PDB file of N, CA and C in Angstrom:
ATOM      1  N   MET A   1       8.558  11.049  19.102  1.00  0.00           N
ATOM      2  CA  MET A   1       7.828  10.070  17.764  1.00  0.00           C
ATOM      3  C   MET A   1       8.417   8.769  18.168  1.00  0.00           C
ATOM      4  N   ASP A   2       8.263   8.087  18.368  1.00  0.00           N
ATOM      5  CA  ASP A   2       8.761   6.462  18.228  1.00  0.00           C
ATOM      6  C   ASP A   2       9.165   6.095  17.154  1.00  0.00           C
ATOM      7  N   MET A   3      10.397   5.276  16.860  1.00  0.00           N
ATOM      8  CA  MET A   3      10.341   4.452  15.801  1.00  0.00           C
ATOM      9  C   MET A   3       9.245   3.837  15.603  1.00  0.00           C
ATOM     10  N   PRO A   4       8.374   4.104  13.398  1.00  0.00           N
ATOM     11  CA  PRO A   4       7.487   2.608  13.196  1.00  0.00           C
ATOM     12  C   PRO A   4       8.052   1.566  12.979  1.00  0.00           C
ATOM     13  N   GLY A   5       7.443   0.136  13.304  1.00  0.00           N
ATOM     14  CA  GLY A   5       7.812  -0.761  13.066  1.00  0.00           C
ATOM     15  C   GLY A   5       7.768  -1.141  11.445  1.00  0.00           C
ATOM     16  N   ILE A   6       8.937  -1.792  10.878  1.00  0.00           N
ATOM     17  CA  ILE A   6       9.193  -2.485  10.339  1.00  0.00           C
ATOM     18  C   ILE A   6       8.464  -2.504   9.141  1.00  0.00           C
ATOM     19  N   ALA A   7       7.089  -3.568   9.805  1.00  0.00           N
ATOM     20  CA  ALA A   7       6.086  -3.346   8.598  1.00  0.00           C
ATOM     21  C   ALA A   7       5.408  -2.221   8.382  1.00  0.00           C
ATOM     22  N   PHE A   8       5.361  -1.197   8.863  1.00  0.00           N
ATOM     23  CA  PHE A   8       5.190   0.643   8.456  1.00  0.00           C
ATOM     24  C   PHE A   8       5.678   0.696   7.762  1.00  0.00           C
ATOM     25  N   VAL A   9       6.527   0.983   8.407  1.00  0.00           N
ATOM     26  CA  VAL A   9       7.725   1.654   6.376  1.00  0.00           C
ATOM     27  C   VAL A   9       7.790   0.646   5.723  1.00  0.00           C
ATOM     28  N   ILE A  10       7.920  -0.484   5.922  1.00  0.00           N
ATOM     29  CA  ILE A  10       7.833  -1.310   4.027  1.00  0.00           C
ATOM     30  C   ILE A  10       6.318  -0.741   3.506  1.00  0.00           C
ATOM     31  N   ALA A  11       4.939  -0.584   4.260  1.00  0.00           N
ATOM     32  CA  ALA A  11       3.880  -0.302   4.231  1.00  0.00           C
ATOM     33  C   ALA A  11       3.600   0.844   3.801  1.00  0.00           C
ATOM     34  N   THR A  12       4.269   1.959   3.731  1.00  0.00           N
ATOM     35  CA  THR A  12       4.670   3.069   3.727  1.00  0.00           C
ATOM     36  C   THR A  12       5.012   3.711   2.694  1.00  0.00           C
ATOM     37  N   ILE A  13       5.885   2.616   2.404  1.00  0.00           N
ATOM     38  CA  ILE A  13       7.509   3.009   1.193  1.00  0.00           C
ATOM     39  C   ILE A  13       6.271   2.563  -0.028  1.00  0.00           C
ATOM     40  N   LEU A  14       5.815   1.494   0.220  1.00  0.00           N
ATOM     41  CA  LEU A  14       5.255   0.850  -0.778  1.00  0.00           C
ATOM     42  C   LEU A  14       3.706   2.332  -1.546  1.00  0.00           C
ATOM     43  N   LEU A  15       3.038   2.270  -0.400  1.00  0.00           N
ATOM     44  CA  LEU A  15       2.108   3.254  -0.513  1.00  0.00           C
ATOM     45  C   LEU A  15       2.662   5.047  -1.862  1.00  0.00           C
ATOM     46  N   ALA A  16       3.733   5.192  -1.103  1.00  0.00           N
ATOM     47  CA  ALA A  16       4.172   5.978  -1.874  1.00  0.00           C
ATOM     48  C   ALA A  16       4.754   5.575  -3.548  1.00  0.00           C
ATOM     49  N   ALA A  17       4.859   4.294  -3.521  1.00  0.00           N
ATOM     50  CA  ALA A  17       5.495   3.897  -4.640  1.00  0.00           C
ATOM     51  C   ALA A  17       4.502   3.602  -5.724  1.00  0.00           C
ATOM     52  N   LEU A  18       3.243   3.501  -4.373  1.00  0.00           N
ATOM     53  CA  LEU A  18       1.771   3.408  -5.876  1.00  0.00           C
ATOM     54  C   LEU A  18       1.125   4.423  -6.104  1.00  0.00           C
ATOM     55  N   ILE A  19       1.307   5.573  -5.372  1.00  0.00           N
ATOM     56  CA  ILE A  19       0.794   7.066  -5.807  1.00  0.00           C
ATOM     57  C   ILE A  19       1.711   7.089  -6.834  1.00  0.00           C
ATOM     58  N   ALA A  20       3.058   7.252  -6.818  1.00  0.00           N
ATOM     59  CA  ALA A  20       4.190   7.496  -7.714  1.00  0.00           C
ATOM     60  C   ALA A  20       3.478   6.994  -8.964  1.00  0.00           C
ATOM     61  N   ALA A  21       2.968   5.855  -9.084  1.00  0.00           N
ATOM     62  CA  ALA A  21       2.620   5.088 -10.387  1.00  0.00           C
ATOM     63  C   ALA A  21       1.017   5.240 -11.006  1.00  0.00           C
ATOM     64  N   VAL A  22       0.717   5.845  -9.870  1.00  0.00           N
ATOM     65  CA  VAL A  22      -1.178   6.247 -10.242  1.00  0.00           C
ATOM     66  C   VAL A  22      -0.561   7.594 -11.054  1.00  0.00           C
ATOM     67  N   ALA A  23      -0.229   8.485 -10.956  1.00  0.00           N
ATOM     68  CA  ALA A  23       0.264   9.687 -11.244  1.00  0.00           C
ATOM     69  C   ALA A  23       1.105   9.639 -12.446  1.00  0.00           C
ATOM     70  N   GLN A  24       1.943   8.548 -13.069  1.00  0.00           N
ATOM     71  CA  GLN A  24       2.344   8.117 -14.367  1.00  0.00           C
ATOM     72  C   GLN A  24       1.391   7.970 -15.315  1.00  0.00           C
ATOM     73  N   TYR A  25       0.453   6.843 -14.276  1.00  0.00           N
ATOM     74  CA  TYR A  25      -0.275   6.680 -15.165  1.00  0.00           C
ATOM     75  C   TYR A  25      -1.768   8.361 -15.805  1.00  0.00           C
ATOM     76  N   ILE A  26      -1.657   8.658 -14.807  1.00  0.00           N
ATOM     77  CA  ILE A  26      -2.150   9.800 -15.625  1.00  0.00           C
ATOM     78  C   ILE A  26      -1.804  10.408 -16.066  1.00  0.00           C
ATOM     79  N   PHE A  27      -0.577  10.494 -16.081  1.00  0.00           N
ATOM     80  CA  PHE A  27       0.222  11.505 -17.294  1.00  0.00           C
ATOM     81  C   PHE A  27       0.126  11.320 -18.713  1.00  0.00           C
ATOM     82  N   LYS A  28       0.335   9.565 -18.878  1.00  0.00           N
ATOM     83  CA  LYS A  28       0.149   8.511 -19.964  1.00  0.00           C
ATOM     84  C   LYS A  28      -1.071   9.211 -19.893  1.00  0.00           C
ATOM     85  N   ARG A  29      -2.495   8.463 -19.286  1.00  0.00           N
ATOM     86  CA  ARG A  29      -3.397   8.633 -20.866  1.00  0.00           C
ATOM     87  C   ARG A  29      -3.656  10.275 -20.593  1.00  0.00           C
ATOM     88  N   THR A  30      -3.593  11.363 -19.729  1.00  0.00           N
ATOM     89  CA  THR A  30      -3.482  12.779 -20.323  1.00  0.00           C
ATOM     90  C   THR A  30      -2.659  13.267 -21.731  1.00  0.00           C
ATOM     91  N   LEU A  31      -1.603  12.696 -21.397  1.00  0.00           N
ATOM     92  CA  LEU A  31      -0.207  13.503 -22.961  1.00  0.00           C
ATOM     93  C   LEU A  31      -1.139  13.080 -24.211  1.00  0.00           C
ATOM     94  N   LYS A  32      -2.263  11.615 -24.577  1.00  0.00           N
ATOM     95  CA  LYS A  32      -2.789  11.243 -25.777  1.00  0.00           C
ATOM     96  C   LYS A  32      -3.558  12.842 -25.869  1.00  0.00           C
ATOM     97  N   GLU A  33      -3.544  13.074 -25.246  1.00  0.00           N
ATOM     98  CA  GLU A  33      -4.553  14.691 -25.932  1.00  0.00           C
ATOM     99  C   GLU A  33      -3.962  16.291 -26.851  1.00  0.00           C
ATOM    100  N   PHE A  34      -2.808  16.169 -26.566  1.00  0.00           N
ATOM    101  CA  PHE A  34      -1.182  16.921 -26.511  1.00  0.00           C
ATOM    102  C   PHE A  34      -0.794  16.973 -27.159  1.00  0.00           C
ATOM    103  N   LYS A  35      -0.024  17.618 -28.442  1.00  0.00           N
ATOM    104  CA  LYS A  35       0.720  18.159 -29.263  1.00  0.00           C
ATOM    105  C   LYS A  35       2.175  18.243 -28.183  1.00  0.00           C
ATOM    106  N   PHE A  36       2.992  18.357 -28.799  1.00  0.00           N
ATOM    107  CA  PHE A  36       4.882  18.493 -28.333  1.00  0.00           C
ATOM    108  C   PHE A  36       5.527  19.806 -29.431  1.00  0.00           C
ATOM    109  N   ASN A  37       4.442  20.793 -28.620  1.00  0.00           N
ATOM    110  CA  ASN A  37       5.142  22.193 -29.350  1.00  0.00           C
ATOM    111  C   ASN A  37       5.224  23.194 -28.140  1.00  0.00           C
ATOM    112  N   VAL A  38       5.647  24.497 -28.127  1.00  0.00           N
ATOM    113  CA  VAL A  38       5.642  25.577 -27.870  1.00  0.00           C
ATOM    114  C   VAL A  38       4.227  25.566 -27.537  1.00  0.00           C
ATOM    115  N   SER A  39       3.166  25.543 -27.371  1.00  0.00           N
ATOM    116  CA  SER A  39       2.194  25.755 -27.215  1.00  0.00           C
ATOM    117  C   SER A  39       1.566  24.759 -26.690  1.00  0.00           C
ATOM    118  N   GLY A  40       1.802  23.230 -27.223  1.00  0.00           N
ATOM    119  CA  GLY A  40       1.258  21.822 -26.446  1.00  0.00           C
ATOM    120  C   GLY A  40       1.579  22.165 -25.003  1.00  0.00           C
ATOM    121  N   ILE A  41       3.202  22.561 -24.646  1.00  0.00           N
ATOM    122  CA  ILE A  41       3.519  22.131 -23.545  1.00  0.00           C
ATOM    123  C   ILE A  41       3.219  23.662 -22.795  1.00  0.00           C
ATOM    124  N   TYR A  42       2.580  24.281 -22.915  1.00  0.00           N
ATOM    125  CA  TYR A  42       1.904  25.217 -22.341  1.00  0.00           C
ATOM    126  C   TYR A  42       0.808  24.565 -21.523  1.00  0.00           C
ATOM    127  N   HIS A  43      -0.441  23.963 -22.971  1.00  0.00           N
ATOM    128  CA  HIS A  43      -1.168  23.780 -22.464  1.00  0.00           C
ATOM    129  C   HIS A  43      -0.948  21.977 -21.387  1.00  0.00           C
ATOM    130  N   VAL A  44      -0.220  21.864 -21.908  1.00  0.00           N
ATOM    131  CA  VAL A  44      -0.080  20.014 -21.044  1.00  0.00           C
ATOM    132  C   VAL A  44       0.202  21.241 -19.446  1.00  0.00           C
ATOM    133  N   LEU A  45       0.969  22.279 -19.041  1.00  0.00           N
ATOM    134  CA  LEU A  45       1.009  22.021 -18.012  1.00  0.00           C
ATOM    135  C   LEU A  45       0.081  23.353 -17.400  1.00  0.00           C
ATOM    136  N   LYS A  46      -0.704  23.549 -18.189  1.00  0.00           N
ATOM    137  CA  LYS A  46      -2.432  23.852 -16.976  1.00  0.00           C
ATOM    138  C   LYS A  46      -3.246  22.851 -17.283  1.00  0.00           C
ATOM    139  N   ASN A  47      -3.200  21.938 -17.475  1.00  0.00           N
ATOM    140  CA  ASN A  47      -4.197  20.782 -18.080  1.00  0.00           C
ATOM    141  C   ASN A  47      -4.201  20.243 -16.124  1.00  0.00           C
ATOM    142  N   LYS A  48      -5.815  19.614 -15.628  1.00  0.00           N
ATOM    143  CA  LYS A  48      -5.583  19.682 -14.264  1.00  0.00           C
ATOM    144  C   LYS A  48      -5.297  18.681 -14.079  1.00  0.00           C
ATOM    145  N   MET A  49      -5.565  17.402 -15.542  1.00  0.00           N
ATOM    146  CA  MET A  49      -5.174  15.873 -14.970  1.00  0.00           C
ATOM    147  C   MET A  49      -3.522  16.389 -14.703  1.00  0.00           C
ATOM    148  N   ILE A  50      -2.767  16.783 -15.552  1.00  0.00           N
ATOM    149  CA  ILE A  50      -1.437  17.414 -14.953  1.00  0.00           C
ATOM    150  C   ILE A  50      -1.347  17.904 -13.982  1.00  0.00           C
ATOM    151  N   LEU A  51      -1.981  18.958 -13.411  1.00  0.00           N
ATOM    152  CA  LEU A  51      -1.496  19.079 -12.185  1.00  0.00           C
ATOM    153  C   LEU A  51      -1.535  18.315 -11.161  1.00  0.00           C
ATOM    154  N   PHE A  52      -2.738  17.494 -11.697  1.00  0.00           N
ATOM    155  CA  PHE A  52      -3.114  16.072 -10.444  1.00  0.00           C
ATOM    156  C   PHE A  52      -2.431  15.518 -10.073  1.00  0.00           C
ATOM    157  N   GLY A  53      -1.859  15.473 -11.486  1.00  0.00           N
ATOM    158  CA  GLY A  53      -0.379  14.112 -11.508  1.00  0.00           C
ATOM    159  C   GLY A  53       0.843  14.727 -10.112  1.00  0.00           C
ATOM    160  N   LEU A  54       1.032  16.232 -10.471  1.00  0.00           N
ATOM    161  CA  LEU A  54       2.002  16.465  -9.959  1.00  0.00           C
ATOM    162  C   LEU A  54       1.638  16.661  -8.859  1.00  0.00           C
ATOM    163  N   PHE A  55       0.193  16.996  -8.321  1.00  0.00           N
ATOM    164  CA  PHE A  55      -0.107  16.775  -7.097  1.00  0.00           C
ATOM    165  C   PHE A  55       0.336  16.174  -6.421  1.00  0.00           C
ATOM    166  N   LEU A  56      -0.282  14.271  -7.048  1.00  0.00           N
ATOM    167  CA  LEU A  56       0.769  12.875  -6.336  1.00  0.00           C
ATOM    168  C   LEU A  56       1.335  13.027  -6.290  1.00  0.00           C
ATOM    169  N   TYR A  57       2.336  13.075  -6.669  1.00  0.00           N
ATOM    170  CA  TYR A  57       4.074  13.191  -7.048  1.00  0.00           C
ATOM    171  C   TYR A  57       4.302  14.009  -5.701  1.00  0.00           C
ATOM    172  N   VAL A  58       3.757  14.829  -4.907  1.00  0.00           N
ATOM    173  CA  VAL A  58       3.784  15.711  -4.257  1.00  0.00           C
ATOM    174  C   VAL A  58       3.214  14.887  -2.902  1.00  0.00           C
ATOM    175  N   VAL A  59       2.564  14.411  -2.855  1.00  0.00           N
ATOM    176  CA  VAL A  59       1.929  13.268  -2.049  1.00  0.00           C
ATOM    177  C   VAL A  59       3.159  11.790  -2.266  1.00  0.00           C
ATOM    178  N   SER A  60       2.873  11.386  -3.147  1.00  0.00           N
ATOM    179  CA  SER A  60       3.924  10.625  -2.555  1.00  0.00           C
ATOM    180  C   SER A  60       5.699  10.300  -2.064  1.00  0.00           C
ATOM    181  N   LEU A  61       5.812  11.980  -2.805  1.00  0.00           N
ATOM    182  CA  LEU A  61       7.534  12.063  -1.861  1.00  0.00           C
ATOM    183  C   LEU A  61       7.552  12.991  -0.554  1.00  0.00           C
ATOM    184  N   VAL A  62       6.196  13.389   0.318  1.00  0.00           N
ATOM    185  CA  VAL A  62       6.145  13.754   1.381  1.00  0.00           C
ATOM    186  C   VAL A  62       5.598  11.891   2.386  1.00  0.00           C
ATOM    187  N   ILE A  63       5.331  10.959   1.477  1.00  0.00           N
ATOM    188  CA  ILE A  63       4.798  10.080   2.433  1.00  0.00           C
ATOM    189  C   ILE A  63       6.087   9.225   1.990  1.00  0.00           C
ATOM    190  N   TYR A  64       7.301   9.474   0.627  1.00  0.00           N
ATOM    191  CA  TYR A  64       8.517   8.348   0.805  1.00  0.00           C
ATOM    192  C   TYR A  64       9.054   9.235   1.701  1.00  0.00           C
ATOM    193  N   LEU A  65       9.495  10.804   2.072  1.00  0.00           N
ATOM    194  CA  LEU A  65      10.643  11.393   3.227  1.00  0.00           C
ATOM    195  C   LEU A  65       9.817  10.841   4.652  1.00  0.00           C
ATOM    196  N   PHE A  66       8.551  10.605   4.937  1.00  0.00           N
ATOM    197  CA  PHE A  66       8.171  10.211   5.871  1.00  0.00           C
ATOM    198  C   PHE A  66       9.187   8.704   6.356  1.00  0.00           C
ATOM    199  N   ALA A  67       8.640   7.939   5.662  1.00  0.00           N
ATOM    200  CA  ALA A  67       9.099   6.241   5.729  1.00  0.00           C
ATOM    201  C   ALA A  67      10.683   6.418   5.663  1.00  0.00           C
ATOM    202  N   LEU A  68      11.768   7.499   4.575  1.00  0.00           N
ATOM    203  CA  LEU A  68      13.401   7.602   4.510  1.00  0.00           C
ATOM    204  C   LEU A  68      14.015   8.167   5.942  1.00  0.00           C
ATOM    205  N   LYS A  69      12.856   8.298   6.790  1.00  0.00           N
ATOM    206  CA  LYS A  69      13.695   9.102   8.128  1.00  0.00           C
ATOM    207  C   LYS A  69      13.619   8.113   9.328  1.00  0.00           C
ATOM    208  N   TYR A  70      12.854   6.408   8.962  1.00  0.00           N
ATOM    209  CA  TYR A  70      13.015   6.324   9.810  1.00  0.00           C
ATOM    210  C   TYR A  70      13.426   4.485   8.927  1.00  0.00           C
ATOM    211  N   THR A  71      14.476   4.731   8.225  1.00  0.00           N
ATOM    212  CA  THR A  71      15.397   4.208   7.240  1.00  0.00           C
ATOM    213  C   THR A  71      15.760   3.955   6.435  1.00  0.00           C
ATOM    214  N   PRO A  72      16.750   3.169   6.553  1.00  0.00           N
ATOM    215  CA  PRO A  72      18.552   3.244   5.618  1.00  0.00           C
ATOM    216  C   PRO A  72      18.077   3.907   4.388  1.00  0.00           C
ATOM    217  N   LEU A  73      18.739   4.832   3.315  1.00  0.00           N
ATOM    218  CA  LEU A  73      18.553   4.941   2.355  1.00  0.00           C
ATOM    219  C   LEU A  73      18.608   3.899   1.523  1.00  0.00           C
ATOM    220  N   SER A  74      19.499   2.922   1.480  1.00  0.00           N
ATOM    221  CA  SER A  74      20.050   1.628   0.651  1.00  0.00           C
ATOM    222  C   SER A  74      18.431   0.529   1.071  1.00  0.00           C
ATOM    223  N   PHE A  75      18.503   0.772   1.755  1.00  0.00           N
ATOM    224  CA  PHE A  75      17.208  -0.077   1.980  1.00  0.00           C
ATOM    225  C   PHE A  75      15.561   0.374   1.331  1.00  0.00           C
ATOM    226  N   ALA A  76      15.444   2.089   1.361  1.00  0.00           N
ATOM    227  CA  ALA A  76      14.160   2.771   1.564  1.00  0.00           C
ATOM    228  C   ALA A  76      13.973   2.743  -0.667  1.00  0.00           C
ATOM    229  N   TYR A  77      15.346   3.204  -0.975  1.00  0.00           N
ATOM    230  CA  TYR A  77      15.297   3.426  -2.471  1.00  0.00           C
ATOM    231  C   TYR A  77      15.289   2.268  -3.017  1.00  0.00           C
ATOM    232  N   PRO A  78      15.716   0.822  -2.785  1.00  0.00           N
ATOM    233  CA  PRO A  78      15.047  -0.441  -3.652  1.00  0.00           C
ATOM    234  C   PRO A  78      13.951  -0.768  -3.217  1.00  0.00           C
ATOM    235  N   THR A  79      13.064  -0.356  -2.207  1.00  0.00           N
ATOM    236  CA  THR A  79      11.686  -0.889  -2.026  1.00  0.00           C
ATOM    237  C   THR A  79      10.671   0.208  -2.608  1.00  0.00           C
ATOM    238  N   PHE A  80      11.266   1.172  -3.322  1.00  0.00           N
ATOM    239  CA  PHE A  80      10.620   2.332  -3.776  1.00  0.00           C
ATOM    240  C   PHE A  80      10.688   1.757  -5.358  1.00  0.00           C
ATOM    241  N   ALA A  81      10.887   0.604  -5.497  1.00  0.00           N
ATOM    242  CA  ALA A  81      11.387   0.445  -6.832  1.00  0.00           C
ATOM    243  C   ALA A  81      10.411  -0.419  -6.965  1.00  0.00           C
ATOM    244  N   SER A  82       9.585  -0.763  -6.147  1.00  0.00           N
ATOM    245  CA  SER A  82       8.201  -1.763  -6.555  1.00  0.00           C
ATOM    246  C   SER A  82       6.714  -0.148  -7.231  1.00  0.00           C
ATOM    247  N   ALA A  83       7.697   0.623  -7.483  1.00  0.00           N
ATOM    248  CA  ALA A  83       6.599   1.562  -8.393  1.00  0.00           C
ATOM    249  C   ALA A  83       6.859   0.821 -10.280  1.00  0.00           C
ATOM    250  N   PHE A  84       7.970   0.239 -10.173  1.00  0.00           N
ATOM    251  CA  PHE A  84       7.827  -0.867 -11.718  1.00  0.00           C
ATOM    252  C   PHE A  84       7.010  -1.791 -11.385  1.00  0.00           C
ATOM    253  N   ILE A  85       6.672  -2.663 -10.600  1.00  0.00           N
ATOM    254  CA  ILE A  85       5.935  -3.665 -10.810  1.00  0.00           C
ATOM    255  C   ILE A  85       3.940  -3.166 -10.091  1.00  0.00           C
ATOM    256  N   PHE A  86       3.899  -1.808 -10.274  1.00  0.00           N
ATOM    257  CA  PHE A  86       2.626  -0.995  -9.983  1.00  0.00           C
ATOM    258  C   PHE A  86       2.714  -1.027 -11.459  1.00  0.00           C
ATOM    259  N   ILE A  87       3.303  -0.276 -12.298  1.00  0.00           N
ATOM    260  CA  ILE A  87       3.331   0.050 -13.470  1.00  0.00           C
ATOM    261  C   ILE A  87       2.550  -0.366 -14.403  1.00  0.00           C
ATOM    262  N   ALA A  88       3.773  -2.043 -13.995  1.00  0.00           N
ATOM    263  CA  ALA A  88       3.398  -2.553 -14.922  1.00  0.00           C
ATOM    264  C   ALA A  88       1.551  -3.289 -14.900  1.00  0.00           C
ATOM    265  N   VAL A  89       1.423  -3.248 -13.762  1.00  0.00           N
ATOM    266  CA  VAL A  89      -0.029  -3.518 -13.658  1.00  0.00           C
ATOM    267  C   VAL A  89      -0.552  -3.084 -14.009  1.00  0.00           C
ATOM    268  N   ILE A  90      -0.993  -1.602 -13.387  1.00  0.00           N
ATOM    269  CA  ILE A  90      -1.367  -0.905 -14.376  1.00  0.00           C
ATOM    270  C   ILE A  90      -1.428  -0.742 -15.656  1.00  0.00           C
ATOM    271  N   SER A  91      -0.443  -0.761 -16.257  1.00  0.00           N
ATOM    272  CA  SER A  91      -0.442  -0.571 -17.441  1.00  0.00           C
ATOM    273  C   SER A  91      -1.125  -1.872 -18.538  1.00  0.00           C
ATOM    274  N   LYS A  92      -1.145  -3.246 -18.377  1.00  0.00           N
ATOM    275  CA  LYS A  92      -1.115  -4.178 -18.481  1.00  0.00           C
ATOM    276  C   LYS A  92      -2.652  -4.040 -18.665  1.00  0.00           C
ATOM    277  N   PHE A  93      -3.458  -3.536 -17.080  1.00  0.00           N
ATOM    278  CA  PHE A  93      -4.926  -3.522 -17.163  1.00  0.00           C
ATOM    279  C   PHE A  93      -5.977  -2.187 -17.106  1.00  0.00           C
ATOM    280  N   TYR A  94      -5.050  -1.209 -17.214  1.00  0.00           N
ATOM    281  CA  TYR A  94      -5.754  -0.065 -17.455  1.00  0.00           C
ATOM    282  C   TYR A  94      -4.983   0.559 -19.082  1.00  0.00           C
ATOM    283  N   LEU A  95      -3.631   0.666 -19.692  1.00  0.00           N
ATOM    284  CA  LEU A  95      -3.946   0.443 -20.675  1.00  0.00           C
ATOM    285  C   LEU A  95      -3.187  -0.355 -21.789  1.00  0.00           C
ATOM    286  N   ASN A  96      -3.971  -1.663 -21.429  1.00  0.00           N
ATOM    287  CA  ASN A  96      -3.662  -2.635 -22.549  1.00  0.00           C
ATOM    288  C   ASN A  96      -2.225  -3.015 -22.903  1.00  0.00           C
ATOM    289  N   GLU A  97      -1.547  -2.664 -22.558  1.00  0.00           N
ATOM    290  CA  GLU A  97       0.063  -2.966 -22.550  1.00  0.00           C
ATOM    291  C   GLU A  97      -0.146  -4.206 -22.610  1.00  0.00           C
ATOM    292  N   ARG A  98       0.822  -4.879 -23.696  1.00  0.00           N
ATOM    293  CA  ARG A  98       1.028  -6.386 -23.292  1.00  0.00           C
ATOM    294  C   ARG A  98       2.657  -6.347 -22.466  1.00  0.00           C
ATOM    295  N   ILE A  99       2.390  -7.074 -21.581  1.00  0.00           N
ATOM    296  CA  ILE A  99       3.958  -7.594 -21.096  1.00  0.00           C
ATOM    297  C   ILE A  99       4.241  -9.362 -20.905  1.00  0.00           C
ATOM    298  N   GLY A 100       5.023  -8.982 -22.056  1.00  0.00           N
ATOM    299  CA  GLY A 100       5.840 -10.305 -22.888  1.00  0.00           C
ATOM    300  C   GLY A 100       6.566 -11.128 -21.925  1.00  0.00           C
ATOM    301  N   MET A 101       7.031 -11.983 -22.098  1.00  0.00           N
ATOM    302  CA  MET A 101       7.971 -13.070 -21.065  1.00  0.00           C
ATOM    303  C   MET A 101       9.416 -12.357 -20.296  1.00  0.00           C
ATOM    304  N   LEU A 102       9.932 -11.890 -21.820  1.00  0.00           N
ATOM    305  CA  LEU A 102      11.093 -10.998 -21.193  1.00  0.00           C
ATOM    306  C   LEU A 102      10.995 -10.430 -19.938  1.00  0.00           C
ATOM    307  N   ARG A 103       9.962  -8.841 -20.190  1.00  0.00           N
ATOM    308  CA  ARG A 103       9.538  -8.108 -19.543  1.00  0.00           C
ATOM    309  C   ARG A 103       8.890  -8.370 -17.826  1.00  0.00           C
ATOM    310  N   ALA A 104       8.225  -9.924 -17.989  1.00  0.00           N
ATOM    311  CA  ALA A 104       7.848 -10.365 -16.774  1.00  0.00           C
ATOM    312  C   ALA A 104       8.688 -10.748 -16.009  1.00  0.00           C
ATOM    313  N   LEU A 105       9.879 -11.710 -17.035  1.00  0.00           N
ATOM    314  CA  LEU A 105      10.647 -12.203 -16.346  1.00  0.00           C
ATOM    315  C   LEU A 105      11.755 -10.634 -15.243  1.00  0.00           C
ATOM    316  N   GLY A 106      11.693  -9.930 -16.371  1.00  0.00           N
ATOM    317  CA  GLY A 106      12.456  -8.598 -15.472  1.00  0.00           C
ATOM    318  C   GLY A 106      11.512  -8.271 -13.927  1.00  0.00           C
ATOM    319  N   ILE A 107      10.204  -7.715 -14.337  1.00  0.00           N
ATOM    320  CA  ILE A 107       9.225  -7.821 -13.104  1.00  0.00           C
ATOM    321  C   ILE A 107       9.427  -8.791 -11.894  1.00  0.00           C
ATOM    322  N   GLY A 108      10.009  -9.717 -12.190  1.00  0.00           N
ATOM    323  CA  GLY A 108       9.702 -10.976 -11.444  1.00  0.00           C
ATOM    324  C   GLY A 108      11.463 -10.803 -10.493  1.00  0.00           C
ATOM    325  N   LEU A 109      12.102 -10.746 -11.057  1.00  0.00           N
ATOM    326  CA  LEU A 109      13.820 -10.052 -10.710  1.00  0.00           C
ATOM    327  C   LEU A 109      13.791  -9.012  -9.968  1.00  0.00           C
ATOM    328  N   VAL A 110      12.921  -8.278 -10.351  1.00  0.00           N
ATOM    329  CA  VAL A 110      12.429  -6.711  -9.121  1.00  0.00           C
ATOM    330  C   VAL A 110      11.881  -7.233  -7.685  1.00  0.00           C
ATOM    331  N   VAL A 111      10.890  -8.137  -7.946  1.00  0.00           N
ATOM    332  CA  VAL A 111      10.651  -8.296  -6.863  1.00  0.00           C
ATOM    333  C   VAL A 111      11.377  -9.276  -5.917  1.00  0.00           C
ATOM    334  N   ILE A 112      12.414  -9.944  -6.467  1.00  0.00           N
ATOM    335  CA  ILE A 112      12.758 -10.872  -6.007  1.00  0.00           C
ATOM    336  C   ILE A 112      14.098  -9.925  -5.263  1.00  0.00           C
ATOM    337  N   GLY A 113      14.354  -9.028  -5.840  1.00  0.00           N
ATOM    338  CA  GLY A 113      15.563  -7.778  -5.151  1.00  0.00           C
ATOM    339  C   GLY A 113      14.719  -6.725  -4.490  1.00  0.00           C
ATOM    340  N   ILE A 114      13.779  -6.823  -4.170  1.00  0.00           N
ATOM    341  CA  ILE A 114      13.120  -6.088  -3.271  1.00  0.00           C
ATOM    342  C   ILE A 114      13.031  -6.818  -1.856  1.00  0.00           C
ATOM    343  N   CYS A 115      12.408  -8.291  -2.093  1.00  0.00           N
ATOM    344  CA  CYS A 115      12.149  -9.362  -0.991  1.00  0.00           C
ATOM    345  C   CYS A 115      13.621  -8.967  -0.632  1.00  0.00           C
ATOM    346  N   VAL A 116      15.015  -9.467  -1.388  1.00  0.00           N
ATOM    347  CA  VAL A 116      15.909 -10.024  -0.062  1.00  0.00           C
ATOM    348  C   VAL A 116      16.249  -8.876   0.349  1.00  0.00           C
ATOM    349  N   ILE A 117      16.000  -7.430  -0.532  1.00  0.00           N
ATOM    350  CA  ILE A 117      16.540  -5.994   0.745  1.00  0.00           C
ATOM    351  C   ILE A 117      16.043  -6.136   1.800  1.00  0.00           C
ATOM    352  N   ALA A 118      13.966  -6.257   1.921  1.00  0.00           N
ATOM    353  CA  ALA A 118      13.519  -6.668   2.669  1.00  0.00           C
ATOM    354  C   ALA A 118      13.795  -7.940   4.298  1.00  0.00           C
ATOM    355  N   PHE A 119      14.295  -8.536   3.563  1.00  0.00           N
ATOM    356  CA  PHE A 119      14.865  -9.061   4.703  1.00  0.00           C
ATOM    357  C   PHE A 119      16.914  -8.535   5.201  1.00  0.00           C
ATOM    358  N   THR A 120      16.836  -7.780   4.598  1.00  0.00           N
ATOM    359  CA  THR A 120      18.227  -7.037   5.403  1.00  0.00           C
ATOM    360  C   THR A 120      18.025  -5.762   6.402  1.00  0.00           C
ATOM    361  N   PHE A 121      16.716  -5.795   6.322  1.00  0.00           N
ATOM    362  CA  PHE A 121      16.331  -4.912   7.310  1.00  0.00           C
ATOM    363  C   PHE A 121      16.042  -4.656   9.064  1.00  0.00           C
TER     364      PHE A 121
END
């Protein structure tokens, strides 16, 4: 198999990060229903939505591993940090979390960092 183009590799990493972010959202929404004690943890691990979130993590990992095969780790892992951006957007619009100026600045710095790293590939 030929090496895929850089745009495809970046898109693959971004897709893996987005799927991981969706899994985090599922975990957050689902955990509101549970208490953390021995019985509660058992029920969490049996919950279909938690299991679906874990499935999404595995899907994200498989996609990420595919991209990692074709790109240096020092490029792939920082690009996967785009998950922080996806989490912020999901949290704002689906969990009604407040994104203050300082947090927005941090997210902006993550975007800039990812762009700088993308230009080094």
